[in-house]
Amino acid sequence: MPLTDKNWKEKQAELELRCTVARYENPTAKKIIGISIGSNADDDSCFDICSLYIPEIDEDFIREVMEIKKELGYFTNTIVSNSVDFRK
């Protein structure tokens, strides 16, 4: 997740929400680690890390994720590929 002046104050909450959606999008991954990278107003490099462990996905979790995706648009057009050509 890139950090900018637009999301600086909310960066930790945004990263956690993105990780929550990432857990749903990756049903076999019980552990999710998210990293946000950017620079602050003084141009110092900085980052945040979020670690989630969600062993089971239930209906409440799915409803929460669908609401996040609907309101914030996270991971709406994702592409997952194991192709070496895709990584270039």
C-alpha atoms as a PDB file:
ATOM      1  CA  MET A   1       0.000   0.000   0.000  1.00  0.00           C
ATOM      2  CA  PRO A   2       1.588   3.312  -0.995  1.00  0.00           C
ATOM      3  CA  LEU A   3       1.603   6.128   1.555  1.00  0.00           C
ATOM      4  CA  THR A   4       0.717   9.649   0.463  1.00  0.00           C
ATOM      5  CA  ASP A   5      -0.469  12.893   2.057  1.00  0.00           C
ATOM      6  CA  LYS A   6      -4.028  11.777   1.223  1.00  0.00           C
ATOM      7  CA  ASN A   7      -3.946   8.689   3.459  1.00  0.00           C
ATOM      8  CA  TRP A   8      -1.272   9.609   6.026  1.00  0.00           C
ATOM      9  CA  LYS A   9      -3.574  10.042   9.046  1.00  0.00           C
ATOM     10  CA  GLU A  10      -5.607   6.921   8.283  1.00  0.00           C
ATOM     11  CA  LYS A  11      -2.721   4.745   7.087  1.00  0.00           C
ATOM     12  CA  GLN A  12      -2.804   2.155   9.873  1.00  0.00           C
ATOM     13  CA  ALA A  13      -6.560   1.624   9.674  1.00  0.00           C
ATOM     14  CA  GLU A  14      -6.418   1.485   5.866  1.00  0.00           C
ATOM     15  CA  LEU A  15      -3.653  -1.120   5.945  1.00  0.00           C
ATOM     16  CA  GLU A  16      -5.640  -3.286   8.359  1.00  0.00           C
ATOM     17  CA  LEU A  17      -8.745  -3.064   6.158  1.00  0.00           C
ATOM     18  CA  ARG A  18      -6.702  -3.983   3.088  1.00  0.00           C
ATOM     19  CA  CYS A  19      -5.225  -6.970   4.938  1.00  0.00           C
ATOM     20  CA  THR A  20      -8.707  -8.078   5.980  1.00  0.00           C
ATOM     21  CA  VAL A  21      -9.834  -8.089   2.358  1.00  0.00           C
ATOM     22  CA  ALA A  22      -6.598  -9.815   1.315  1.00  0.00           C
ATOM     23  CA  ARG A  23      -7.379 -12.624   3.769  1.00  0.00           C
ATOM     24  CA  TYR A  24     -10.757 -13.140   2.134  1.00  0.00           C
ATOM     25  CA  GLU A  25      -9.230 -13.030  -1.350  1.00  0.00           C
ATOM     26  CA  ASN A  26      -6.667 -15.690  -0.353  1.00  0.00           C
ATOM     27  CA  PRO A  27      -8.775 -18.362   1.371  1.00  0.00           C
ATOM     28  CA  THR A  28      -5.874 -20.736   2.064  1.00  0.00           C
ATOM     29  CA  ALA A  29      -3.692 -18.065   3.702  1.00  0.00           C
ATOM     30  CA  LYS A  30      -4.517 -17.960   7.410  1.00  0.00           C
ATOM     31  CA  LYS A  31      -1.770 -15.386   8.040  1.00  0.00           C
ATOM     32  CA  ILE A  32      -1.650 -12.085   6.175  1.00  0.00           C
ATOM     33  CA  ILE A  33       1.173  -9.567   6.386  1.00  0.00           C
ATOM     34  CA  GLY A  34       0.694  -6.143   4.857  1.00  0.00           C
ATOM     35  CA  ILE A  35       3.310  -3.445   4.396  1.00  0.00           C
ATOM     36  CA  SER A  36       2.783   0.205   3.567  1.00  0.00           C
ATOM     37  CA  ILE A  37       5.767   2.147   2.261  1.00  0.00           C
ATOM     38  CA  GLY A  38       6.193   5.853   1.689  1.00  0.00           C
ATOM     39  CA  SER A  39       7.649   9.139   2.830  1.00  0.00           C
ATOM     40  CA  ASN A  40       6.382  11.592   5.404  1.00  0.00           C
ATOM     41  CA  ALA A  41       6.103  15.374   4.975  1.00  0.00           C
ATOM     42  CA  ASP A  42       9.843  15.708   5.734  1.00  0.00           C
ATOM     43  CA  ASP A  43      10.623  13.183   2.956  1.00  0.00           C
ATOM     44  CA  ASP A  44      11.788  10.594   5.506  1.00  0.00           C
ATOM     45  CA  SER A  45      11.154   7.006   4.442  1.00  0.00           C
ATOM     46  CA  CYS A  46       8.665   5.176   6.602  1.00  0.00           C
ATOM     47  CA  PHE A  47       6.573   2.038   6.660  1.00  0.00           C
ATOM     48  CA  ASP A  48       3.837   0.300   8.618  1.00  0.00           C
ATOM     49  CA  ILE A  49       3.362  -3.416   9.031  1.00  0.00           C
ATOM     50  CA  CYS A  50       0.103  -5.223   9.742  1.00  0.00           C
ATOM     51  CA  SER A  51      -0.069  -8.902  10.637  1.00  0.00           C
ATOM     52  CA  LEU A  52      -3.387 -10.750  10.816  1.00  0.00           C
ATOM     53  CA  TYR A  53      -4.047 -14.333  11.788  1.00  0.00           C
ATOM     54  CA  ILE A  54      -7.570 -15.394  10.849  1.00  0.00           C
ATOM     55  CA  PRO A  55      -7.777 -19.194  10.853  1.00  0.00           C
ATOM     56  CA  GLU A  56     -11.438 -19.425   9.835  1.00  0.00           C
ATOM     57  CA  ILE A  57     -13.674 -17.319   7.623  1.00  0.00           C
ATOM     58  CA  ASP A  58     -17.286 -17.161   8.772  1.00  0.00           C
ATOM     59  CA  GLU A  59     -20.392 -15.436   7.415  1.00  0.00           C
ATOM     60  CA  ASP A  60     -19.876 -12.332   9.597  1.00  0.00           C
ATOM     61  CA  PHE A  61     -16.344 -11.947   8.260  1.00  0.00           C
ATOM     62  CA  ILE A  62     -17.564 -12.299   4.671  1.00  0.00           C
ATOM     63  CA  ARG A  63     -20.259  -9.646   5.223  1.00  0.00           C
ATOM     64  CA  GLU A  64     -17.655  -7.273   6.689  1.00  0.00           C
ATOM     65  CA  VAL A  65     -15.297  -7.816   3.743  1.00  0.00           C
ATOM     66  CA  MET A  66     -18.065  -7.293   1.189  1.00  0.00           C
ATOM     67  CA  GLU A  67     -18.947  -3.988   2.862  1.00  0.00           C
ATOM     68  CA  ILE A  68     -15.285  -2.886   2.821  1.00  0.00           C
ATOM     69  CA  LYS A  69     -14.953  -3.814  -0.845  1.00  0.00           C
ATOM     70  CA  LYS A  70     -18.216  -2.045  -1.722  1.00  0.00           C
ATOM     71  CA  GLU A  71     -17.407   1.168   0.170  1.00  0.00           C
ATOM     72  CA  LEU A  72     -13.670   1.423  -0.467  1.00  0.00           C
ATOM     73  CA  GLY A  73     -13.120  -0.599  -3.619  1.00  0.00           C
ATOM     74  CA  TYR A  74     -10.167  -2.584  -2.279  1.00  0.00           C
ATOM     75  CA  PHE A  75      -9.048  -5.463  -4.516  1.00  0.00           C
ATOM     76  CA  THR A  76     -11.909  -5.008  -6.960  1.00  0.00           C
ATOM     77  CA  ASN A  77      -9.822  -5.660 -10.085  1.00  0.00           C
ATOM     78  CA  THR A  78      -7.103  -7.979  -8.842  1.00  0.00           C
ATOM     79  CA  ILE A  79      -5.065 -10.235 -11.057  1.00  0.00           C
ATOM     80  CA  VAL A  80      -3.304 -13.231  -9.562  1.00  0.00           C
ATOM     81  CA  SER A  81      -0.834 -15.083 -11.705  1.00  0.00           C
ATOM     82  CA  ASN A  82       1.992 -17.514 -11.222  1.00  0.00           C
ATOM     83  CA  SER A  83       3.233 -16.805 -14.728  1.00  0.00           C
ATOM     84  CA  VAL A  84       6.820 -15.634 -15.052  1.00  0.00           C
ATOM     85  CA  ASP A  85       5.731 -13.514 -18.030  1.00  0.00           C
ATOM     86  CA  PHE A  86       3.223 -11.632 -15.878  1.00  0.00           C
ATOM     87  CA  ARG A  87       5.955 -10.526 -13.436  1.00  0.00           C
ATOM     88  CA  LYS A  88       8.025  -8.740 -16.094  1.00  0.00           C
END
